[in-house]
Amino acid sequence: MKAKVYVTIKENVLDPQGNAVQGALHTMGFNDVSKVRIGKYLEIDLATNDRAQAEAQLKEMSEKLLANTVVEDYRIELEG
């Protein structure tokens, strides 16, 4: 089963990397950009067809390693 995990900085947390990218875009003339937030995207293949088991494993992976849940949110999408 294939999974996609999106990790993003929580809305109430400052994103200095996003601010730097926004500033660079403005410098390049893209002045319509009003906000940039930086995140991570992961693709994970799991050797199971049990959707509930896959969701449980992905949640545990995300909370223990993939996301710092103090400052980041995560979202999981399962295919198949």
PDB file of N, CA and C in Angstrom:
ATOM      1  N   MET A   1       0.854  -1.166   0.000  1.00  0.00           N
ATOM      2  CA  MET A   1       0.000   0.000   0.000  1.00  0.00           C
ATOM      3  C   MET A   1       0.903   1.233   0.000  1.00  0.00           C
ATOM      4  N   LYS A   2       0.559   2.204  -0.805  1.00  0.00           N
ATOM      5  CA  LYS A   2       1.352   3.418  -0.912  1.00  0.00           C
ATOM      6  C   LYS A   2       0.701   4.532  -0.081  1.00  0.00           C
ATOM      7  N   ALA A   3       1.539   5.263   0.623  1.00  0.00           N
ATOM      8  CA  ALA A   3       1.051   6.368   1.450  1.00  0.00           C
ATOM      9  C   ALA A   3       1.806   7.639   1.109  1.00  0.00           C
ATOM     10  N   LYS A   4       1.127   8.745   1.255  1.00  0.00           N
ATOM     11  CA  LYS A   4       1.736  10.066   1.142  1.00  0.00           C
ATOM     12  C   LYS A   4       1.559  10.757   2.482  1.00  0.00           C
ATOM     13  N   VAL A   5       2.639  11.341   2.989  1.00  0.00           N
ATOM     14  CA  VAL A   5       2.585  12.050   4.266  1.00  0.00           C
ATOM     15  C   VAL A   5       3.039  13.476   4.018  1.00  0.00           C
ATOM     16  N   TYR A   6       2.198  14.416   4.403  1.00  0.00           N
ATOM     17  CA  TYR A   6       2.496  15.838   4.273  1.00  0.00           C
ATOM     18  C   TYR A   6       2.735  16.399   5.671  1.00  0.00           C
ATOM     19  N   VAL A   7       3.882  17.019   5.878  1.00  0.00           N
ATOM     20  CA  VAL A   7       4.225  17.607   7.166  1.00  0.00           C
ATOM     21  C   VAL A   7       4.373  19.108   6.953  1.00  0.00           C
ATOM     22  N   THR A   8       3.613  19.889   7.723  1.00  0.00           N
ATOM     23  CA  THR A   8       3.649  21.348   7.581  1.00  0.00           C
ATOM     24  C   THR A   8       3.788  22.002   8.953  1.00  0.00           C
ATOM     25  N   ILE A   9       4.368  23.180   8.955  1.00  0.00           N
ATOM     26  CA  ILE A   9       4.499  23.943  10.192  1.00  0.00           C
ATOM     27  C   ILE A   9       3.120  24.453  10.592  1.00  0.00           C
ATOM     28  N   LYS A  10       2.799  24.366  11.878  1.00  0.00           N
ATOM     29  CA  LYS A  10       1.505  24.839  12.366  1.00  0.00           C
ATOM     30  C   LYS A  10       1.343  26.326  12.067  1.00  0.00           C
ATOM     31  N   GLU A  11       0.118  26.737  11.845  1.00  0.00           N
ATOM     32  CA  GLU A  11      -0.179  28.122  11.462  1.00  0.00           C
ATOM     33  C   GLU A  11       0.323  29.144  12.475  1.00  0.00           C
ATOM     34  N   ASN A  12       0.292  28.812  13.762  1.00  0.00           N
ATOM     35  CA  ASN A  12       0.675  29.780  14.788  1.00  0.00           C
ATOM     36  C   ASN A  12       2.177  29.799  15.064  1.00  0.00           C
ATOM     37  N   VAL A  13       2.970  29.035  14.277  1.00  0.00           N
ATOM     38  CA  VAL A  13       4.422  28.968  14.454  1.00  0.00           C
ATOM     39  C   VAL A  13       5.090  29.761  13.339  1.00  0.00           C
ATOM     40  N   LEU A  14       6.069  30.585  13.700  1.00  0.00           N
ATOM     41  CA  LEU A  14       6.801  31.354  12.699  1.00  0.00           C
ATOM     42  C   LEU A  14       7.554  30.414  11.766  1.00  0.00           C
ATOM     43  N   ASP A  15       7.641  30.798  10.498  1.00  0.00           N
ATOM     44  CA  ASP A  15       8.322  29.999   9.487  1.00  0.00           C
ATOM     45  C   ASP A  15       9.415  30.840   8.835  1.00  0.00           C
ATOM     46  N   PRO A  16      10.598  30.923   9.456  1.00  0.00           N
ATOM     47  CA  PRO A  16      11.664  31.769   8.905  1.00  0.00           C
ATOM     48  C   PRO A  16      12.110  31.334   7.510  1.00  0.00           C
ATOM     49  N   GLN A  17      12.095  30.036   7.237  1.00  0.00           N
ATOM     50  CA  GLN A  17      12.481  29.570   5.904  1.00  0.00           C
ATOM     51  C   GLN A  17      11.447  30.025   4.863  1.00  0.00           C
ATOM     52  N   GLY A  18      10.189  29.933   5.206  1.00  0.00           N
ATOM     53  CA  GLY A  18       9.132  30.422   4.321  1.00  0.00           C
ATOM     54  C   GLY A  18       9.254  31.919   4.084  1.00  0.00           C
ATOM     55  N   ASN A  19       9.577  32.675   5.151  1.00  0.00           N
ATOM     56  CA  ASN A  19       9.759  34.125   5.011  1.00  0.00           C
ATOM     57  C   ASN A  19      10.934  34.448   4.099  1.00  0.00           C
ATOM     58  N   ALA A  20      12.019  33.665   4.190  1.00  0.00           N
ATOM     59  CA  ALA A  20      13.184  33.883   3.331  1.00  0.00           C
ATOM     60  C   ALA A  20      12.831  33.622   1.871  1.00  0.00           C
ATOM     61  N   VAL A  21      12.075  32.561   1.614  1.00  0.00           N
ATOM     62  CA  VAL A  21      11.664  32.255   0.244  1.00  0.00           C
ATOM     63  C   VAL A  21      10.734  33.357  -0.282  1.00  0.00           C
ATOM     64  N   GLN A  22       9.829  33.818   0.556  1.00  0.00           N
ATOM     65  CA  GLN A  22       8.929  34.897   0.152  1.00  0.00           C
ATOM     66  C   GLN A  22       9.741  36.143  -0.213  1.00  0.00           C
ATOM     67  N   GLY A  23      10.716  36.496   0.612  1.00  0.00           N
ATOM     68  CA  GLY A  23      11.555  37.656   0.325  1.00  0.00           C
ATOM     69  C   GLY A  23      12.315  37.492  -0.978  1.00  0.00           C
ATOM     70  N   ALA A  24      12.845  36.291  -1.224  1.00  0.00           N
ATOM     71  CA  ALA A  24      13.564  36.030  -2.468  1.00  0.00           C
ATOM     72  C   ALA A  24      12.634  36.143  -3.672  1.00  0.00           C
ATOM     73  N   LEU A  25      11.430  35.641  -3.541  1.00  0.00           N
ATOM     74  CA  LEU A  25      10.465  35.758  -4.635  1.00  0.00           C
ATOM     75  C   LEU A  25      10.134  37.216  -4.919  1.00  0.00           C
ATOM     76  N   HIS A  26       9.984  38.012  -3.880  1.00  0.00           N
ATOM     77  CA  HIS A  26       9.727  39.450  -4.069  1.00  0.00           C
ATOM     78  C   HIS A  26      10.898  40.101  -4.791  1.00  0.00           C
ATOM     79  N   THR A  27      12.122  39.733  -4.400  1.00  0.00           N
ATOM     80  CA  THR A  27      13.324  40.272  -5.039  1.00  0.00           C
ATOM     81  C   THR A  27      13.346  39.925  -6.527  1.00  0.00           C
ATOM     82  N   MET A  28      12.810  38.763  -6.866  1.00  0.00           N
ATOM     83  CA  MET A  28      12.775  38.314  -8.260  1.00  0.00           C
ATOM     84  C   MET A  28      11.606  38.913  -9.036  1.00  0.00           C
ATOM     85  N   GLY A  29      10.794  39.735  -8.367  1.00  0.00           N
ATOM     86  CA  GLY A  29       9.687  40.401  -9.050  1.00  0.00           C
ATOM     87  C   GLY A  29       8.335  39.744  -8.875  1.00  0.00           C
ATOM     88  N   PHE A  30       8.255  38.691  -8.074  1.00  0.00           N
ATOM     89  CA  PHE A  30       6.972  38.022  -7.833  1.00  0.00           C
ATOM     90  C   PHE A  30       6.297  38.658  -6.617  1.00  0.00           C
ATOM     91  N   ASN A  31       5.857  39.883  -6.791  1.00  0.00           N
ATOM     92  CA  ASN A  31       5.334  40.675  -5.673  1.00  0.00           C
ATOM     93  C   ASN A  31       3.929  40.282  -5.241  1.00  0.00           C
ATOM     94  N   ASP A  32       3.256  39.454  -6.028  1.00  0.00           N
ATOM     95  CA  ASP A  32       1.906  39.012  -5.648  1.00  0.00           C
ATOM     96  C   ASP A  32       1.929  37.914  -4.594  1.00  0.00           C
ATOM     97  N   VAL A  33       3.104  37.351  -4.289  1.00  0.00           N
ATOM     98  CA  VAL A  33       3.209  36.300  -3.267  1.00  0.00           C
ATOM     99  C   VAL A  33       3.045  36.959  -1.899  1.00  0.00           C
ATOM    100  N   SER A  34       1.981  36.563  -1.188  1.00  0.00           N
ATOM    101  CA  SER A  34       1.711  37.193   0.103  1.00  0.00           C
ATOM    102  C   SER A  34       2.136  36.330   1.290  1.00  0.00           C
ATOM    103  N   LYS A  35       2.373  35.031   1.057  1.00  0.00           N
ATOM    104  CA  LYS A  35       2.773  34.154   2.161  1.00  0.00           C
ATOM    105  C   LYS A  35       3.350  32.867   1.597  1.00  0.00           C
ATOM    106  N   VAL A  36       4.433  32.371   2.223  1.00  0.00           N
ATOM    107  CA  VAL A  36       5.024  31.084   1.864  1.00  0.00           C
ATOM    108  C   VAL A  36       5.228  30.293   3.149  1.00  0.00           C
ATOM    109  N   ARG A  37       4.803  29.042   3.134  1.00  0.00           N
ATOM    110  CA  ARG A  37       5.033  28.130   4.248  1.00  0.00           C
ATOM    111  C   ARG A  37       5.780  26.923   3.688  1.00  0.00           C
ATOM    112  N   ILE A  38       6.826  26.490   4.364  1.00  0.00           N
ATOM    113  CA  ILE A  38       7.648  25.378   3.922  1.00  0.00           C
ATOM    114  C   ILE A  38       7.242  24.111   4.673  1.00  0.00           C
ATOM    115  N   GLY A  39       7.235  22.986   3.967  1.00  0.00           N
ATOM    116  CA  GLY A  39       6.892  21.714   4.591  1.00  0.00           C
ATOM    117  C   GLY A  39       7.679  20.571   3.976  1.00  0.00           C
ATOM    118  N   LYS A  40       7.255  19.349   4.299  1.00  0.00           N
ATOM    119  CA  LYS A  40       7.900  18.140   3.794  1.00  0.00           C
ATOM    120  C   LYS A  40       6.834  17.244   3.171  1.00  0.00           C
ATOM    121  N   TYR A  41       7.256  16.505   2.169  1.00  0.00           N
ATOM    122  CA  TYR A  41       6.389  15.533   1.511  1.00  0.00           C
ATOM    123  C   TYR A  41       7.133  14.207   1.468  1.00  0.00           C
ATOM    124  N   LEU A  42       6.487  13.133   1.920  1.00  0.00           N
ATOM    125  CA  LEU A  42       7.114  11.811   1.931  1.00  0.00           C
ATOM    126  C   LEU A  42       6.200  10.803   1.252  1.00  0.00           C
ATOM    127  N   GLU A  43       6.792   9.887   0.488  1.00  0.00           N
ATOM    128  CA  GLU A  43       6.067   8.746  -0.065  1.00  0.00           C
ATOM    129  C   GLU A  43       6.587   7.498   0.621  1.00  0.00           C
ATOM    130  N   ILE A  44       5.682   6.679   1.126  1.00  0.00           N
ATOM    131  CA  ILE A  44       6.060   5.486   1.873  1.00  0.00           C
ATOM    132  C   ILE A  44       5.278   4.297   1.316  1.00  0.00           C
ATOM    133  N   ASP A  45       5.992   3.221   0.991  1.00  0.00           N
ATOM    134  CA  ASP A  45       5.349   1.970   0.579  1.00  0.00           C
ATOM    135  C   ASP A  45       5.301   1.034   1.777  1.00  0.00           C
ATOM    136  N   LEU A  46       4.118   0.519   2.060  1.00  0.00           N
ATOM    137  CA  LEU A  46       3.932  -0.416   3.168  1.00  0.00           C
ATOM    138  C   LEU A  46       3.566  -1.789   2.615  1.00  0.00           C
ATOM    139  N   ALA A  47       4.127  -2.830   3.197  1.00  0.00           N
ATOM    140  CA  ALA A  47       3.871  -4.200   2.760  1.00  0.00           C
ATOM    141  C   ALA A  47       2.654  -4.759   3.488  1.00  0.00           C
ATOM    142  N   THR A  48       1.541  -4.063   3.356  1.00  0.00           N
ATOM    143  CA  THR A  48       0.289  -4.536   3.954  1.00  0.00           C
ATOM    144  C   THR A  48      -0.872  -4.060   3.090  1.00  0.00           C
ATOM    145  N   ASN A  49      -1.957  -4.805   3.123  1.00  0.00           N
ATOM    146  CA  ASN A  49      -3.193  -4.398   2.446  1.00  0.00           C
ATOM    147  C   ASN A  49      -4.259  -4.024   3.458  1.00  0.00           C
ATOM    148  N   ASP A  50      -3.926  -4.102   4.737  1.00  0.00           N
ATOM    149  CA  ASP A  50      -4.854  -3.770   5.823  1.00  0.00           C
ATOM    150  C   ASP A  50      -4.818  -2.260   6.059  1.00  0.00           C
ATOM    151  N   ARG A  51      -5.864  -1.589   5.631  1.00  0.00           N
ATOM    152  CA  ARG A  51      -5.919  -0.121   5.702  1.00  0.00           C
ATOM    153  C   ARG A  51      -5.805   0.388   7.139  1.00  0.00           C
ATOM    154  N   ALA A  52      -6.500  -0.233   8.062  1.00  0.00           N
ATOM    155  CA  ALA A  52      -6.469   0.201   9.467  1.00  0.00           C
ATOM    156  C   ALA A  52      -5.068   0.049  10.053  1.00  0.00           C
ATOM    157  N   GLN A  53      -4.415  -1.063   9.727  1.00  0.00           N
ATOM    158  CA  GLN A  53      -3.052  -1.292  10.208  1.00  0.00           C
ATOM    159  C   GLN A  53      -2.102  -0.248   9.612  1.00  0.00           C
ATOM    160  N   ALA A  54      -2.260   0.024   8.322  1.00  0.00           N
ATOM    161  CA  ALA A  54      -1.408   1.019   7.661  1.00  0.00           C
ATOM    162  C   ALA A  54      -1.595   2.392   8.293  1.00  0.00           C
ATOM    163  N   GLU A  55      -2.840   2.782   8.524  1.00  0.00           N
ATOM    164  CA  GLU A  55      -3.106   4.091   9.149  1.00  0.00           C
ATOM    165  C   GLU A  55      -2.478   4.172  10.532  1.00  0.00           C
ATOM    166  N   ALA A  56      -2.604   3.106  11.306  1.00  0.00           N
ATOM    167  CA  ALA A  56      -2.029   3.095  12.658  1.00  0.00           C
ATOM    168  C   ALA A  56      -0.505   3.208  12.601  1.00  0.00           C
ATOM    169  N   GLN A  57       0.114   2.461  11.690  1.00  0.00           N
ATOM    170  CA  GLN A  57       1.569   2.520  11.554  1.00  0.00           C
ATOM    171  C   GLN A  57       2.031   3.903  11.118  1.00  0.00           C
ATOM    172  N   LEU A  58       1.346   4.483  10.155  1.00  0.00           N
ATOM    173  CA  LEU A  58       1.728   5.800   9.652  1.00  0.00           C
ATOM    174  C   LEU A  58       1.554   6.882  10.713  1.00  0.00           C
ATOM    175  N   LYS A  59       0.495   6.769  11.496  1.00  0.00           N
ATOM    176  CA  LYS A  59       0.295   7.720  12.584  1.00  0.00           C
ATOM    177  C   LYS A  59       1.439   7.622  13.588  1.00  0.00           C
ATOM    178  N   GLU A  60       1.819   6.398  13.948  1.00  0.00           N
ATOM    179  CA  GLU A  60       2.910   6.205  14.893  1.00  0.00           C
ATOM    180  C   GLU A  60       4.232   6.716  14.320  1.00  0.00           C
ATOM    181  N   MET A  61       4.497   6.409  13.046  1.00  0.00           N
ATOM    182  CA  MET A  61       5.718   6.903  12.394  1.00  0.00           C
ATOM    183  C   MET A  61       5.768   8.428  12.402  1.00  0.00           C
ATOM    184  N   SER A  62       4.645   9.023  12.069  1.00  0.00           N
ATOM    185  CA  SER A  62       4.581  10.485  11.978  1.00  0.00           C
ATOM    186  C   SER A  62       4.810  11.135  13.329  1.00  0.00           C
ATOM    187  N   GLU A  63       4.191  10.590  14.362  1.00  0.00           N
ATOM    188  CA  GLU A  63       4.304  11.190  15.686  1.00  0.00           C
ATOM    189  C   GLU A  63       5.647  10.915  16.359  1.00  0.00           C
ATOM    190  N   LYS A  64       6.312   9.811  15.983  1.00  0.00           N
ATOM    191  CA  LYS A  64       7.592   9.481  16.605  1.00  0.00           C
ATOM    192  C   LYS A  64       8.798  10.012  15.840  1.00  0.00           C
ATOM    193  N   LEU A  65       8.673  10.178  14.509  1.00  0.00           N
ATOM    194  CA  LEU A  65       9.851  10.528  13.724  1.00  0.00           C
ATOM    195  C   LEU A  65       9.609  11.575  12.638  1.00  0.00           C
ATOM    196  N   LEU A  66       8.577  11.398  11.850  1.00  0.00           N
ATOM    197  CA  LEU A  66       8.421  12.215  10.648  1.00  0.00           C
ATOM    198  C   LEU A  66       8.048  13.660  10.934  1.00  0.00           C
ATOM    199  N   ALA A  67       7.293  13.900  11.996  1.00  0.00           N
ATOM    200  CA  ALA A  67       6.855  15.251  12.328  1.00  0.00           C
ATOM    201  C   ALA A  67       7.202  15.572  13.774  1.00  0.00           C
ATOM    202  N   ASN A  68       7.590  16.802  13.997  1.00  0.00           N
ATOM    203  CA  ASN A  68       7.751  17.309  15.364  1.00  0.00           C
ATOM    204  C   ASN A  68       6.392  17.907  15.735  1.00  0.00           C
ATOM    205  N   THR A  69       5.576  17.132  16.421  1.00  0.00           N
ATOM    206  CA  THR A  69       4.180  17.518  16.642  1.00  0.00           C
ATOM    207  C   THR A  69       4.010  18.736  17.545  1.00  0.00           C
ATOM    208  N   VAL A  70       5.091  19.209  18.144  1.00  0.00           N
ATOM    209  CA  VAL A  70       5.017  20.448  18.924  1.00  0.00           C
ATOM    210  C   VAL A  70       4.816  21.632  17.987  1.00  0.00           C
ATOM    211  N   VAL A  71       5.499  21.604  16.835  1.00  0.00           N
ATOM    212  CA  VAL A  71       5.444  22.746  15.917  1.00  0.00           C
ATOM    213  C   VAL A  71       4.942  22.386  14.521  1.00  0.00           C
ATOM    214  N   GLU A  72       4.694  21.077  14.260  1.00  0.00           N
ATOM    215  CA  GLU A  72       4.266  20.658  12.930  1.00  0.00           C
ATOM    216  C   GLU A  72       2.978  19.841  12.999  1.00  0.00           C
ATOM    217  N   ASP A  73       2.190  19.963  11.932  1.00  0.00           N
ATOM    218  CA  ASP A  73       1.025  19.111  11.708  1.00  0.00           C
ATOM    219  C   ASP A  73       1.379  18.124  10.612  1.00  0.00           C
ATOM    220  N   TYR A  74       0.641  17.035  10.532  1.00  0.00           N
ATOM    221  CA  TYR A  74       0.840  16.099   9.434  1.00  0.00           C
ATOM    222  C   TYR A  74      -0.507  15.612   8.927  1.00  0.00           C
ATOM    223  N   ARG A  75      -0.496  15.210   7.660  1.00  0.00           N
ATOM    224  CA  ARG A  75      -1.703  14.685   7.018  1.00  0.00           C
ATOM    225  C   ARG A  75      -1.279  13.455   6.219  1.00  0.00           C
ATOM    226  N   ILE A  76      -2.063  12.390   6.291  1.00  0.00           N
ATOM    227  CA  ILE A  76      -1.754  11.129   5.638  1.00  0.00           C
ATOM    228  C   ILE A  76      -2.794  10.846   4.571  1.00  0.00           C
ATOM    229  N   GLU A  77      -2.323  10.411   3.389  1.00  0.00           N
ATOM    230  CA  GLU A  77      -3.210   9.931   2.324  1.00  0.00           C
ATOM    231  C   GLU A  77      -2.775   8.528   1.946  1.00  0.00           C
ATOM    232  N   LEU A  78      -3.726   7.604   1.903  1.00  0.00           N
ATOM    233  CA  LEU A  78      -3.437   6.218   1.509  1.00  0.00           C
ATOM    234  C   LEU A  78      -4.001   5.950   0.117  1.00  0.00           C
ATOM    235  N   GLU A  79      -3.233   5.235  -0.692  1.00  0.00           N
ATOM    236  CA  GLU A  79      -3.689   4.817  -2.021  1.00  0.00           C
ATOM    237  C   GLU A  79      -3.838   3.305  -2.022  1.00  0.00           C
ATOM    238  N   GLY A  80      -4.875   2.850  -2.673  1.00  0.00           N
ATOM    239  CA  GLY A  80      -5.039   1.401  -2.844  1.00  0.00           C
ATOM    240  C   GLY A  80      -5.729   0.694  -1.733  1.00  0.00           C
TER     241      GLY A  80
END
